[in-house]
Amino acid sequence: MNRSVDITVSGLCFHIAQQPILRDIDLHVPAGTVLALLGPSGCGKSTLLKLLAGLLQPTDGNIDFAGVRVAEARFSAPPEQRDLGMVFQDYALWPHMTVRENVAFPLKMRGLNAARRKEKTDAALERVGLDTLADRYPAALSGGQQQRVALARAVVAEPRILLFDEPLSNLARDLRESLSKEMSVLLRQLGTTAVYVTHDREEANTMADAIATLSAGQLVSVSTLNAE
């Protein structure tokens, strides 16, 4: 799996009732890069992620995936047309579905037949170490296990881009550290372009190839991390 693409953000602005939330964001994420969006609460990093996802529409500026325009002031392609996977802070799992059913859901929406869905779902669950828990329901899982289910659901359809909105912030510190390392390894194996929102610099250093720091709605720096 490696269908990753580059992301280019140019002059991106987002306002709510004339109040600027993001101002003149210029950012390039090369294909296959894991970029962390780092900054305190209210700096605009989750808003930027939602603009990339198609959950919000820019006030000005544009967003391109692999040179193809997906958003500008007068147009915004919906999330389902952007070929991306998302992992949220609150897991967003369906409680009435088993682990396997949750992970298989994106494939069902794409019309894959049952045999192909099972093959790809089982592979995704094995990647995140949950293959033995496939028939359990979310309520029977720990927070870390639920987040692994959400991760498997995000990658199962092999999207071009993965977006993470502070996915580990609800977990205990030791579990956050171990799971961030596991996720970092998985992202390198997949080779998918990823944007990862966090307020934790240590987590950003573990997860990312580069860090974009935001403050008060503006991009203040982009730093590339040295590969080990």
C-alpha atoms as a PDB file:
ATOM      1  CA  MET A   1       0.000   0.000   0.000  1.00  0.00           C
ATOM      2  CA  ASN A   2       1.445   3.331  -1.023  1.00  0.00           C
ATOM      3  CA  ARG A   3      -0.864   5.650  -2.889  1.00  0.00           C
ATOM      4  CA  SER A   4       0.320   8.696  -0.985  1.00  0.00           C
ATOM      5  CA  VAL A   5       0.079  12.167  -2.486  1.00  0.00           C
ATOM      6  CA  ASP A   6       1.446  15.585  -1.654  1.00  0.00           C
ATOM      7  CA  ILE A   7      -0.647  18.326  -0.036  1.00  0.00           C
ATOM      8  CA  THR A   8      -0.278  22.006  -0.933  1.00  0.00           C
ATOM      9  CA  VAL A   9      -2.002  24.736   1.063  1.00  0.00           C
ATOM     10  CA  SER A  10      -1.797  28.271  -0.367  1.00  0.00           C
ATOM     11  CA  GLY A  11      -2.974  31.510   1.268  1.00  0.00           C
ATOM     12  CA  LEU A  12      -5.505  29.590   3.334  1.00  0.00           C
ATOM     13  CA  CYS A  13      -7.826  31.682   5.518  1.00  0.00           C
ATOM     14  CA  PHE A  14     -10.834  30.749   7.593  1.00  0.00           C
ATOM     15  CA  HIS A  15     -13.146  33.214   9.337  1.00  0.00           C
ATOM     16  CA  ILE A  16     -16.197  32.808  11.543  1.00  0.00           C
ATOM     17  CA  ALA A  17     -18.450  35.885  11.545  1.00  0.00           C
ATOM     18  CA  GLN A  18     -15.569  38.071  10.359  1.00  0.00           C
ATOM     19  CA  GLN A  19     -13.338  36.715  13.133  1.00  0.00           C
ATOM     20  CA  PRO A  20     -10.125  35.252  11.647  1.00  0.00           C
ATOM     21  CA  ILE A  21      -9.392  31.717  12.848  1.00  0.00           C
ATOM     22  CA  LEU A  22      -6.653  30.944  10.307  1.00  0.00           C
ATOM     23  CA  ARG A  23      -4.677  33.570   8.400  1.00  0.00           C
ATOM     24  CA  ASP A  24      -2.625  33.113   5.218  1.00  0.00           C
ATOM     25  CA  ILE A  25      -1.447  29.537   5.770  1.00  0.00           C
ATOM     26  CA  ASP A  26       1.113  28.366   3.188  1.00  0.00           C
ATOM     27  CA  LEU A  27       2.206  24.777   3.663  1.00  0.00           C
ATOM     28  CA  HIS A  28       3.522  21.899   1.564  1.00  0.00           C
ATOM     29  CA  VAL A  29       3.457  18.272   2.734  1.00  0.00           C
ATOM     30  CA  PRO A  30       5.468  15.990   0.425  1.00  0.00           C
ATOM     31  CA  ALA A  31       3.991  12.608  -0.478  1.00  0.00           C
ATOM     32  CA  GLY A  32       4.633  10.015   2.212  1.00  0.00           C
ATOM     33  CA  THR A  33       5.464  12.588   4.895  1.00  0.00           C
ATOM     34  CA  VAL A  34       4.016  12.511   8.411  1.00  0.00           C
ATOM     35  CA  LEU A  35       3.463  16.139   9.412  1.00  0.00           C
ATOM     36  CA  ALA A  36       2.567  17.130  12.968  1.00  0.00           C
ATOM     37  CA  LEU A  37       0.472  20.262  13.484  1.00  0.00           C
ATOM     38  CA  LEU A  38       1.646  21.494  16.878  1.00  0.00           C
ATOM     39  CA  GLY A  39       0.326  24.275  19.066  1.00  0.00           C
ATOM     40  CA  PRO A  40      -1.787  25.153  22.106  1.00  0.00           C
ATOM     41  CA  SER A  41      -5.561  24.883  22.290  1.00  0.00           C
ATOM     42  CA  GLY A  42      -7.258  27.493  20.128  1.00  0.00           C
ATOM     43  CA  CYS A  43      -4.322  28.064  17.780  1.00  0.00           C
ATOM     44  CA  GLY A  44      -6.218  26.762  14.734  1.00  0.00           C
ATOM     45  CA  LYS A  45      -4.608  23.361  14.208  1.00  0.00           C
ATOM     46  CA  SER A  46      -7.859  21.349  14.380  1.00  0.00           C
ATOM     47  CA  THR A  47      -9.530  23.900  12.110  1.00  0.00           C
ATOM     48  CA  LEU A  48      -6.770  23.388   9.553  1.00  0.00           C
ATOM     49  CA  LEU A  49      -7.259  19.620   9.791  1.00  0.00           C
ATOM     50  CA  LYS A  50     -11.018  20.016   9.211  1.00  0.00           C
ATOM     51  CA  LEU A  51     -10.318  22.147   6.140  1.00  0.00           C
ATOM     52  CA  LEU A  52      -8.038  19.396   4.797  1.00  0.00           C
ATOM     53  CA  ALA A  53     -10.772  16.849   5.509  1.00  0.00           C
ATOM     54  CA  GLY A  54     -13.508  18.824   3.770  1.00  0.00           C
ATOM     55  CA  LEU A  55     -15.478  19.362   6.975  1.00  0.00           C
ATOM     56  CA  LEU A  56     -15.066  23.134   6.614  1.00  0.00           C
ATOM     57  CA  GLN A  57     -14.768  25.404   3.567  1.00  0.00           C
ATOM     58  CA  PRO A  58     -12.029  28.058   3.296  1.00  0.00           C
ATOM     59  CA  THR A  59     -12.847  31.735   3.437  1.00  0.00           C
ATOM     60  CA  ASP A  60      -9.933  32.313   1.075  1.00  0.00           C
ATOM     61  CA  GLY A  61      -6.972  30.446  -0.373  1.00  0.00           C
ATOM     62  CA  ASN A  62      -6.909  26.880  -1.664  1.00  0.00           C
ATOM     63  CA  ILE A  63      -5.944  23.269  -0.966  1.00  0.00           C
ATOM     64  CA  ASP A  64      -4.536  20.867  -3.564  1.00  0.00           C
ATOM     65  CA  PHE A  65      -3.995  17.109  -3.285  1.00  0.00           C
ATOM     66  CA  ALA A  66      -1.456  15.887  -5.859  1.00  0.00           C
ATOM     67  CA  GLY A  67      -1.952  19.098  -7.820  1.00  0.00           C
ATOM     68  CA  VAL A  68      -5.739  18.710  -7.955  1.00  0.00           C
ATOM     69  CA  ARG A  69      -7.822  21.450  -6.318  1.00  0.00           C
ATOM     70  CA  VAL A  70     -10.027  20.079  -3.530  1.00  0.00           C
ATOM     71  CA  ALA A  71     -10.966  23.353  -1.820  1.00  0.00           C
ATOM     72  CA  GLU A  72     -11.117  27.093  -2.363  1.00  0.00           C
ATOM     73  CA  ALA A  73     -13.429  29.934  -1.323  1.00  0.00           C
ATOM     74  CA  ARG A  74     -16.173  28.962  -3.787  1.00  0.00           C
ATOM     75  CA  PHE A  75     -15.744  25.199  -3.801  1.00  0.00           C
ATOM     76  CA  SER A  76     -14.972  22.388  -1.370  1.00  0.00           C
ATOM     77  CA  ALA A  77     -14.990  18.699  -2.323  1.00  0.00           C
ATOM     78  CA  PRO A  78     -16.815  16.643   0.335  1.00  0.00           C
ATOM     79  CA  PRO A  79     -14.785  14.256   2.532  1.00  0.00           C
ATOM     80  CA  GLU A  80     -15.945  11.142   0.673  1.00  0.00           C
ATOM     81  CA  GLN A  81     -14.411  12.482  -2.539  1.00  0.00           C
ATOM     82  CA  ARG A  82     -10.990  13.170  -1.011  1.00  0.00           C
ATOM     83  CA  ASP A  83      -9.884   9.548  -0.457  1.00  0.00           C
ATOM     84  CA  LEU A  84      -8.741  10.002   3.128  1.00  0.00           C
ATOM     85  CA  GLY A  85      -9.000   8.296   6.490  1.00  0.00           C
ATOM     86  CA  MET A  86      -9.543  10.063   9.811  1.00  0.00           C
ATOM     87  CA  VAL A  87      -8.813   9.127  13.420  1.00  0.00           C
ATOM     88  CA  PHE A  88     -10.545  11.226  16.090  1.00  0.00           C
ATOM     89  CA  GLN A  89      -9.889  11.925  19.750  1.00  0.00           C
ATOM     90  CA  ASP A  90     -13.137  10.208  20.824  1.00  0.00           C
ATOM     91  CA  TYR A  91     -12.657   7.046  18.666  1.00  0.00           C
ATOM     92  CA  ALA A  92     -16.071   7.521  16.934  1.00  0.00           C
ATOM     93  CA  LEU A  93     -16.838   3.792  16.937  1.00  0.00           C
ATOM     94  CA  TRP A  94     -20.338   2.414  16.445  1.00  0.00           C
ATOM     95  CA  PRO A  95     -21.268   0.686  19.733  1.00  0.00           C
ATOM     96  CA  HIS A  96     -23.749  -1.719  18.112  1.00  0.00           C
ATOM     97  CA  MET A  97     -21.090  -3.073  15.732  1.00  0.00           C
ATOM     98  CA  THR A  98     -18.335  -5.543  16.534  1.00  0.00           C
ATOM     99  CA  VAL A  99     -14.701  -4.619  16.047  1.00  0.00           C
ATOM    100  CA  ARG A 100     -14.690  -6.394  12.685  1.00  0.00           C
ATOM    101  CA  GLU A 101     -17.898  -4.666  11.569  1.00  0.00           C
ATOM    102  CA  ASN A 102     -16.550  -1.247  12.568  1.00  0.00           C
ATOM    103  CA  VAL A 103     -13.357  -1.754  10.587  1.00  0.00           C
ATOM    104  CA  ALA A 104     -15.151  -3.245   7.581  1.00  0.00           C
ATOM    105  CA  PHE A 105     -17.670  -0.394   7.340  1.00  0.00           C
ATOM    106  CA  PRO A 106     -15.660   1.834   4.930  1.00  0.00           C
ATOM    107  CA  LEU A 107     -15.176  -1.137   2.621  1.00  0.00           C
ATOM    108  CA  LYS A 108     -18.894  -1.922   2.700  1.00  0.00           C
ATOM    109  CA  MET A 109     -19.630   1.690   1.737  1.00  0.00           C
ATOM    110  CA  ARG A 110     -17.282   1.272  -1.240  1.00  0.00           C
ATOM    111  CA  GLY A 111     -19.166  -1.810  -2.399  1.00  0.00           C
ATOM    112  CA  LEU A 112     -16.500  -4.476  -1.842  1.00  0.00           C
ATOM    113  CA  ASN A 113     -17.858  -8.008  -1.722  1.00  0.00           C
ATOM    114  CA  ALA A 114     -17.970  -9.926   1.562  1.00  0.00           C
ATOM    115  CA  ALA A 115     -14.920 -12.101   0.891  1.00  0.00           C
ATOM    116  CA  ARG A 116     -12.723  -9.137  -0.062  1.00  0.00           C
ATOM    117  CA  ARG A 117     -13.992  -7.138   2.933  1.00  0.00           C
ATOM    118  CA  LYS A 118     -13.072  -9.945   5.302  1.00  0.00           C
ATOM    119  CA  GLU A 119      -9.614 -10.322   3.783  1.00  0.00           C
ATOM    120  CA  LYS A 120      -8.772  -6.632   4.049  1.00  0.00           C
ATOM    121  CA  THR A 121     -10.404  -6.221   7.469  1.00  0.00           C
ATOM    122  CA  ASP A 122      -8.519  -9.165   8.943  1.00  0.00           C
ATOM    123  CA  ALA A 123      -5.253  -7.775   7.566  1.00  0.00           C
ATOM    124  CA  ALA A 124      -5.922  -4.335   9.084  1.00  0.00           C
ATOM    125  CA  LEU A 125      -6.798  -5.836  12.471  1.00  0.00           C
ATOM    126  CA  GLU A 126      -3.635  -7.923  12.423  1.00  0.00           C
ATOM    127  CA  ARG A 127      -1.598  -4.777  11.700  1.00  0.00           C
ATOM    128  CA  VAL A 128      -2.852  -3.136  14.893  1.00  0.00           C
ATOM    129  CA  GLY A 129      -2.725  -6.300  17.018  1.00  0.00           C
ATOM    130  CA  LEU A 130      -6.481  -6.796  17.405  1.00  0.00           C
ATOM    131  CA  ASP A 131      -7.095  -9.874  15.270  1.00  0.00           C
ATOM    132  CA  THR A 132      -8.062 -11.921  18.371  1.00  0.00           C
ATOM    133  CA  LEU A 133     -10.663  -9.323  19.446  1.00  0.00           C
ATOM    134  CA  ALA A 134     -12.537  -9.038  16.158  1.00  0.00           C
ATOM    135  CA  ASP A 135     -15.870 -10.267  17.543  1.00  0.00           C
ATOM    136  CA  ARG A 136     -15.963  -8.016  20.604  1.00  0.00           C
ATOM    137  CA  TYR A 137     -17.967  -4.818  20.903  1.00  0.00           C
ATOM    138  CA  PRO A 138     -16.319  -1.440  21.647  1.00  0.00           C
ATOM    139  CA  ALA A 139     -17.706  -1.315  25.205  1.00  0.00           C
ATOM    140  CA  ALA A 140     -15.654  -4.410  26.058  1.00  0.00           C
ATOM    141  CA  LEU A 141     -12.368  -2.764  24.976  1.00  0.00           C
ATOM    142  CA  SER A 142      -9.935  -0.476  26.749  1.00  0.00           C
ATOM    143  CA  GLY A 143      -9.344   3.059  25.483  1.00  0.00           C
ATOM    144  CA  GLY A 144      -6.123   2.008  23.806  1.00  0.00           C
ATOM    145  CA  GLN A 145      -7.819  -0.918  22.101  1.00  0.00           C
ATOM    146  CA  GLN A 146     -10.662   1.296  20.893  1.00  0.00           C
ATOM    147  CA  GLN A 147      -8.163   3.700  19.365  1.00  0.00           C
ATOM    148  CA  ARG A 148      -6.479   0.788  17.584  1.00  0.00           C
ATOM    149  CA  VAL A 149      -9.870  -0.134  16.116  1.00  0.00           C
ATOM    150  CA  ALA A 150     -10.274   3.456  14.908  1.00  0.00           C
ATOM    151  CA  LEU A 151      -6.799   3.310  13.362  1.00  0.00           C
ATOM    152  CA  ALA A 152      -7.538   0.018  11.605  1.00  0.00           C
ATOM    153  CA  ARG A 153     -10.792   1.495  10.236  1.00  0.00           C
ATOM    154  CA  ALA A 154      -8.876   4.526   8.931  1.00  0.00           C
ATOM    155  CA  VAL A 155      -6.273   2.475   7.044  1.00  0.00           C
ATOM    156  CA  VAL A 156      -8.360  -0.482   5.851  1.00  0.00           C
ATOM    157  CA  ALA A 157      -9.424   1.187   2.592  1.00  0.00           C
ATOM    158  CA  GLU A 158      -5.834   2.268   1.831  1.00  0.00           C
ATOM    159  CA  PRO A 159      -6.558   6.015   1.609  1.00  0.00           C
ATOM    160  CA  ARG A 160      -4.163   8.478   0.002  1.00  0.00           C
ATOM    161  CA  ILE A 161      -4.069  10.664   3.120  1.00  0.00           C
ATOM    162  CA  LEU A 162      -4.532   9.999   6.841  1.00  0.00           C
ATOM    163  CA  LEU A 163      -5.672  12.731   9.245  1.00  0.00           C
ATOM    164  CA  PHE A 164      -5.373  12.486  13.034  1.00  0.00           C
ATOM    165  CA  ASP A 165      -7.096  14.895  15.453  1.00  0.00           C
ATOM    166  CA  GLU A 166      -5.312  14.471  18.819  1.00  0.00           C
ATOM    167  CA  PRO A 167      -6.092  10.733  18.799  1.00  0.00           C
ATOM    168  CA  LEU A 168      -4.177   9.889  21.984  1.00  0.00           C
ATOM    169  CA  SER A 169      -5.145  12.787  24.242  1.00  0.00           C
ATOM    170  CA  ASN A 170      -7.769  10.759  26.154  1.00  0.00           C
ATOM    171  CA  LEU A 171      -5.270   8.057  27.122  1.00  0.00           C
ATOM    172  CA  ALA A 172      -2.952   7.765  30.133  1.00  0.00           C
ATOM    173  CA  ARG A 173       0.570   9.080  29.578  1.00  0.00           C
ATOM    174  CA  ASP A 174       2.346   5.694  29.488  1.00  0.00           C
ATOM    175  CA  LEU A 175      -0.207   4.295  27.051  1.00  0.00           C
ATOM    176  CA  ARG A 176       0.065   7.420  24.878  1.00  0.00           C
ATOM    177  CA  GLU A 177       3.820   6.970  24.670  1.00  0.00           C
ATOM    178  CA  SER A 178       3.662   3.295  23.712  1.00  0.00           C
ATOM    179  CA  LEU A 179       0.817   3.725  21.240  1.00  0.00           C
ATOM    180  CA  SER A 180       2.450   6.747  19.571  1.00  0.00           C
ATOM    181  CA  LYS A 181       5.534   4.619  18.926  1.00  0.00           C
ATOM    182  CA  GLU A 182       3.385   1.813  17.475  1.00  0.00           C
ATOM    183  CA  MET A 183       1.502   4.266  15.267  1.00  0.00           C
ATOM    184  CA  SER A 184       4.762   5.817  14.075  1.00  0.00           C
ATOM    185  CA  VAL A 185       6.036   2.406  12.975  1.00  0.00           C
ATOM    186  CA  LEU A 186       2.750   1.617  11.225  1.00  0.00           C
ATOM    187  CA  LEU A 187       2.704   4.932   9.343  1.00  0.00           C
ATOM    188  CA  ARG A 188       6.254   4.331   8.098  1.00  0.00           C
ATOM    189  CA  GLN A 189       5.234   0.842   6.939  1.00  0.00           C
ATOM    190  CA  LEU A 190       2.218   2.211   5.091  1.00  0.00           C
ATOM    191  CA  GLY A 191       4.079   5.157   3.548  1.00  0.00           C
ATOM    192  CA  THR A 192       0.873   7.209   3.555  1.00  0.00           C
ATOM    193  CA  THR A 193       0.887  11.002   3.721  1.00  0.00           C
ATOM    194  CA  ALA A 194      -0.406  11.913   7.180  1.00  0.00           C
ATOM    195  CA  VAL A 195      -1.235  15.064   9.125  1.00  0.00           C
ATOM    196  CA  TYR A 196      -1.262  14.639  12.895  1.00  0.00           C
ATOM    197  CA  VAL A 197      -2.700  17.281  15.260  1.00  0.00           C
ATOM    198  CA  THR A 198      -1.247  17.417  18.768  1.00  0.00           C
ATOM    199  CA  HIS A 199      -0.412  19.879  21.536  1.00  0.00           C
ATOM    200  CA  ASP A 200       2.330  17.545  22.848  1.00  0.00           C
ATOM    201  CA  ARG A 201       5.813  18.229  21.443  1.00  0.00           C
ATOM    202  CA  GLU A 202       7.175  14.878  22.588  1.00  0.00           C
ATOM    203  CA  GLU A 203       4.361  13.088  20.767  1.00  0.00           C
ATOM    204  CA  ALA A 204       5.027  15.202  17.670  1.00  0.00           C
ATOM    205  CA  ASN A 205       8.716  14.302  17.795  1.00  0.00           C
ATOM    206  CA  THR A 206       7.840  10.597  18.024  1.00  0.00           C
ATOM    207  CA  MET A 207       5.238  10.590  15.252  1.00  0.00           C
ATOM    208  CA  ALA A 208       6.395  13.060  12.643  1.00  0.00           C
ATOM    209  CA  ASP A 209       8.929  13.655   9.898  1.00  0.00           C
ATOM    210  CA  ALA A 210       8.232  17.401  10.157  1.00  0.00           C
ATOM    211  CA  ILE A 211       6.472  19.735  12.581  1.00  0.00           C
ATOM    212  CA  ALA A 212       4.393  22.775  11.620  1.00  0.00           C
ATOM    213  CA  THR A 213       3.869  25.059  14.629  1.00  0.00           C
ATOM    214  CA  LEU A 214       0.793  27.280  14.777  1.00  0.00           C
ATOM    215  CA  SER A 215       0.052  30.214  17.047  1.00  0.00           C
ATOM    216  CA  ALA A 216      -3.035  32.445  17.066  1.00  0.00           C
ATOM    217  CA  GLY A 217      -4.157  31.192  13.660  1.00  0.00           C
ATOM    218  CA  GLN A 218      -0.832  31.666  11.915  1.00  0.00           C
ATOM    219  CA  LEU A 219       1.905  29.272  10.840  1.00  0.00           C
ATOM    220  CA  VAL A 220       5.022  30.350  12.716  1.00  0.00           C
ATOM    221  CA  SER A 221       7.515  27.637  11.707  1.00  0.00           C
ATOM    222  CA  VAL A 222       8.033  24.363   9.870  1.00  0.00           C
ATOM    223  CA  SER A 223      10.896  22.155  10.996  1.00  0.00           C
ATOM    224  CA  THR A 224      12.083  18.871   9.549  1.00  0.00           C
ATOM    225  CA  LEU A 225      13.138  16.205  12.032  1.00  0.00           C
ATOM    226  CA  ASN A 226      16.302  14.214  11.534  1.00  0.00           C
ATOM    227  CA  ALA A 227      15.676  10.583  10.714  1.00  0.00           C
ATOM    228  CA  GLU A 228      17.249   8.147  13.130  1.00  0.00           C
END
